[in-house]
């Protein structure tokens, strides 16, 4: 893999290091091994908490991005 391809790949994965990306990754890892999530996701407290965490992190990131846009026009 050449340097340009590596830099592009690193940039494409940057979203996985944000709070919402990390929460989403944790949600995926949890649901893959959770029988309760497979049967009925609404019955798994951990899965529900992770979904709320992903949503909240996305909301906060979106608000922060909007503030930056407002400041920098």
N, C-alpha and C. Protein backbone atom coordinates (compact mmCIF):
# COMPACT_ATOMS: atom_id res chain seq x y z
N UNK A 1 0.85 -1.17 0.00
CA UNK A 1 0.00 0.00 0.00
C UNK A 1 0.90 1.24 0.00
N UNK A 2 0.67 2.15 -0.93
CA UNK A 2 1.51 3.34 -0.99
C UNK A 2 1.03 4.37 0.03
N UNK A 3 1.83 5.44 0.21
CA UNK A 3 1.52 6.43 1.25
C UNK A 3 0.20 7.13 1.01
N UNK A 4 -0.11 7.45 -0.25
CA UNK A 4 -1.35 8.14 -0.57
C UNK A 4 -2.56 7.28 -0.19
N UNK A 5 -2.49 6.00 -0.50
CA UNK A 5 -3.59 5.08 -0.17
C UNK A 5 -3.72 4.94 1.34
N UNK A 6 -2.59 4.85 2.04
CA UNK A 6 -2.62 4.74 3.50
C UNK A 6 -3.22 5.99 4.13
N UNK A 7 -2.86 7.16 3.64
CA UNK A 7 -3.41 8.41 4.18
C UNK A 7 -4.90 8.48 3.94
N UNK A 8 -5.34 8.08 2.76
CA UNK A 8 -6.76 8.09 2.44
C UNK A 8 -7.51 7.11 3.35
N UNK A 9 -6.95 5.94 3.56
CA UNK A 9 -7.58 4.93 4.41
C UNK A 9 -7.67 5.44 5.85
N UNK A 10 -6.63 6.09 6.32
CA UNK A 10 -6.64 6.62 7.68
C UNK A 10 -7.72 7.69 7.81
N UNK A 11 -7.86 8.54 6.80
CA UNK A 11 -8.88 9.56 6.83
C UNK A 11 -10.27 8.98 6.80
N UNK A 12 -10.46 7.91 6.06
CA UNK A 12 -11.77 7.27 5.97
C UNK A 12 -12.18 6.63 7.29
N UNK A 13 -11.22 6.22 8.07
CA UNK A 13 -11.52 5.57 9.36
C UNK A 13 -11.57 6.56 10.52
N UNK A 14 -11.34 7.83 10.24
CA UNK A 14 -11.29 8.83 11.30
C UNK A 14 -12.61 8.86 12.08
N UNK A 15 -13.73 8.65 11.40
CA UNK A 15 -15.04 8.69 12.07
C UNK A 15 -15.17 7.62 13.15
N UNK A 16 -14.36 6.59 13.06
CA UNK A 16 -14.43 5.52 14.06
C UNK A 16 -13.79 5.91 15.37
N UNK A 17 -13.07 7.03 15.39
CA UNK A 17 -12.40 7.46 16.63
C UNK A 17 -13.18 8.56 17.33
N UNK A 18 -14.32 8.98 16.76
CA UNK A 18 -15.16 9.97 17.43
C UNK A 18 -15.96 9.26 18.52
N UNK A 19 -16.51 10.04 19.46
CA UNK A 19 -17.32 9.39 20.50
C UNK A 19 -18.47 8.57 19.93
N UNK A 20 -19.17 9.09 18.91
CA UNK A 20 -20.28 8.31 18.35
C UNK A 20 -19.76 7.08 17.62
N UNK A 21 -18.62 7.19 16.97
CA UNK A 21 -18.04 6.04 16.28
C UNK A 21 -17.63 4.94 17.25
N UNK A 22 -17.04 5.36 18.36
CA UNK A 22 -16.64 4.38 19.37
C UNK A 22 -17.86 3.72 20.02
N UNK A 23 -18.90 4.53 20.26
CA UNK A 23 -20.12 3.97 20.84
C UNK A 23 -20.78 3.00 19.85
N UNK A 24 -20.79 3.37 18.58
CA UNK A 24 -21.39 2.50 17.56
C UNK A 24 -20.61 1.19 17.45
N UNK A 25 -19.29 1.29 17.51
CA UNK A 25 -18.46 0.09 17.47
C UNK A 25 -18.76 -0.82 18.67
N UNK A 26 -18.91 -0.22 19.84
CA UNK A 26 -19.26 -1.00 21.04
C UNK A 26 -20.63 -1.65 20.88
N UNK A 27 -21.58 -0.91 20.29
CA UNK A 27 -22.92 -1.47 20.06
C UNK A 27 -22.85 -2.67 19.12
N UNK A 28 -22.09 -2.54 18.04
CA UNK A 28 -21.95 -3.66 17.11
C UNK A 28 -21.32 -4.87 17.77
N UNK A 29 -20.26 -4.64 18.53
CA UNK A 29 -19.59 -5.75 19.21
C UNK A 29 -20.54 -6.42 20.20
N UNK A 30 -21.32 -5.61 20.91
CA UNK A 30 -22.25 -6.18 21.90
C UNK A 30 -23.33 -7.00 21.21
N UNK A 31 -23.96 -6.44 20.19
CA UNK A 31 -25.10 -7.12 19.58
C UNK A 31 -24.72 -8.40 18.86
N UNK A 32 -23.48 -8.49 18.41
CA UNK A 32 -23.05 -9.71 17.72
C UNK A 32 -22.99 -10.90 18.66
N UNK A 33 -22.78 -10.64 19.93
CA UNK A 33 -22.66 -11.75 20.87
C UNK A 33 -23.79 -11.85 21.88
N UNK A 34 -24.80 -11.00 21.75
CA UNK A 34 -25.88 -10.95 22.74
C UNK A 34 -27.12 -11.66 22.21
N UNK A 35 -27.47 -12.77 22.84
CA UNK A 35 -28.65 -13.52 22.42
C UNK A 35 -29.92 -12.71 22.63
N UNK A 36 -29.95 -11.94 23.70
CA UNK A 36 -31.12 -11.12 23.99
C UNK A 36 -31.33 -10.07 22.89
N UNK A 37 -30.27 -9.46 22.40
CA UNK A 37 -30.37 -8.48 21.32
C UNK A 37 -30.85 -9.14 20.03
N UNK A 38 -30.44 -10.38 19.82
CA UNK A 38 -30.86 -11.10 18.62
C UNK A 38 -32.34 -11.44 18.70
N UNK A 39 -32.80 -11.87 19.87
CA UNK A 39 -34.21 -12.25 20.05
C UNK A 39 -35.13 -11.04 20.08
N UNK A 40 -34.83 -10.07 20.94
CA UNK A 40 -35.67 -8.88 21.09
C UNK A 40 -34.80 -7.75 21.65
N UNK A 41 -34.29 -6.89 20.80
CA UNK A 41 -33.37 -5.83 21.23
C UNK A 41 -33.95 -4.90 22.30
N UNK A 42 -35.26 -4.77 22.33
CA UNK A 42 -35.86 -3.87 23.33
C UNK A 42 -35.76 -4.43 24.74
N UNK A 43 -35.45 -5.70 24.87
CA UNK A 43 -35.36 -6.33 26.19
C UNK A 43 -33.95 -6.31 26.77
N UNK A 44 -32.97 -5.84 26.01
CA UNK A 44 -31.58 -5.83 26.49
C UNK A 44 -31.21 -4.43 26.98
N UNK A 45 -31.00 -4.33 28.27
CA UNK A 45 -30.65 -3.04 28.86
C UNK A 45 -29.34 -2.48 28.34
N UNK A 46 -28.36 -3.34 28.15
CA UNK A 46 -27.06 -2.89 27.65
C UNK A 46 -27.20 -2.38 26.22
N UNK A 47 -27.90 -3.11 25.39
CA UNK A 47 -28.11 -2.69 24.01
C UNK A 47 -28.85 -1.36 23.93
N UNK A 48 -29.89 -1.21 24.74
CA UNK A 48 -30.65 0.05 24.75
C UNK A 48 -29.78 1.21 25.21
N UNK A 49 -28.95 0.97 26.21
CA UNK A 49 -28.06 2.03 26.71
C UNK A 49 -27.05 2.42 25.64
N UNK A 50 -26.53 1.44 24.92
CA UNK A 50 -25.57 1.75 23.87
C UNK A 50 -26.22 2.52 22.72
N UNK A 51 -27.45 2.18 22.37
CA UNK A 51 -28.17 2.93 21.33
C UNK A 51 -28.37 4.38 21.77
N UNK A 52 -28.77 4.58 23.02
CA UNK A 52 -28.94 5.95 23.54
C UNK A 52 -27.61 6.71 23.52
N UNK A 53 -26.53 6.01 23.84
CA UNK A 53 -25.21 6.64 23.84
C UNK A 53 -24.81 7.07 22.43
N UNK A 54 -25.05 6.21 21.45
CA UNK A 54 -24.75 6.56 20.06
C UNK A 54 -25.55 7.80 19.65
N UNK A 55 -26.84 7.81 19.94
CA UNK A 55 -27.70 8.94 19.56
C UNK A 55 -27.26 10.23 20.23
N UNK A 56 -26.96 10.16 21.50
CA UNK A 56 -26.53 11.35 22.23
C UNK A 56 -25.19 11.87 21.70
N UNK A 57 -24.26 10.96 21.45
CA UNK A 57 -22.95 11.38 20.93
C UNK A 57 -23.11 12.03 19.56
N UNK A 58 -23.95 11.47 18.70
CA UNK A 58 -24.19 12.08 17.39
C UNK A 58 -24.82 13.46 17.53
N UNK A 59 -25.76 13.59 18.47
CA UNK A 59 -26.42 14.88 18.69
C UNK A 59 -25.41 15.93 19.13
N UNK A 60 -24.55 15.57 20.07
CA UNK A 60 -23.53 16.49 20.57
C UNK A 60 -22.54 16.85 19.47
N UNK A 61 -22.11 15.86 18.71
CA UNK A 61 -21.16 16.14 17.61
C UNK A 61 -21.79 17.04 16.56
N UNK A 62 -23.05 16.81 16.26
CA UNK A 62 -23.75 17.63 15.27
C UNK A 62 -23.87 19.07 15.75
N UNK A 63 -24.21 19.25 17.02
CA UNK A 63 -24.32 20.59 17.58
C UNK A 63 -22.97 21.29 17.58
N UNK A 64 -21.91 20.57 17.91
CA UNK A 64 -20.57 21.16 17.91
C UNK A 64 -20.16 21.57 16.49
N UNK A 65 -20.48 20.74 15.52
CA UNK A 65 -20.16 21.08 14.13
C UNK A 65 -20.92 22.31 13.68
N UNK A 66 -22.18 22.40 14.07
CA UNK A 66 -22.99 23.58 13.72
C UNK A 66 -22.42 24.85 14.35
N UNK A 67 -21.96 24.75 15.60
CA UNK A 67 -21.37 25.92 16.25
C UNK A 67 -20.10 26.36 15.54
N UNK A 68 -19.29 25.41 15.11
CA UNK A 68 -18.06 25.74 14.39
C UNK A 68 -18.39 26.43 13.07
N UNK A 69 -19.40 25.93 12.37
CA UNK A 69 -19.82 26.55 11.11
C UNK A 69 -20.31 27.98 11.34
N UNK A 70 -21.05 28.19 12.44
CA UNK A 70 -21.55 29.53 12.74
C UNK A 70 -20.41 30.50 13.02
N UNK A 71 -19.40 30.03 13.74
CA UNK A 71 -18.27 30.87 14.10
C UNK A 71 -17.42 31.19 12.87
N UNK A 72 -17.19 30.19 12.04
CA UNK A 72 -16.28 30.36 10.90
C UNK A 72 -17.00 30.73 9.62
N UNK A 73 -18.32 30.78 9.68
CA UNK A 73 -19.14 31.18 8.53
C UNK A 73 -18.94 30.35 7.38
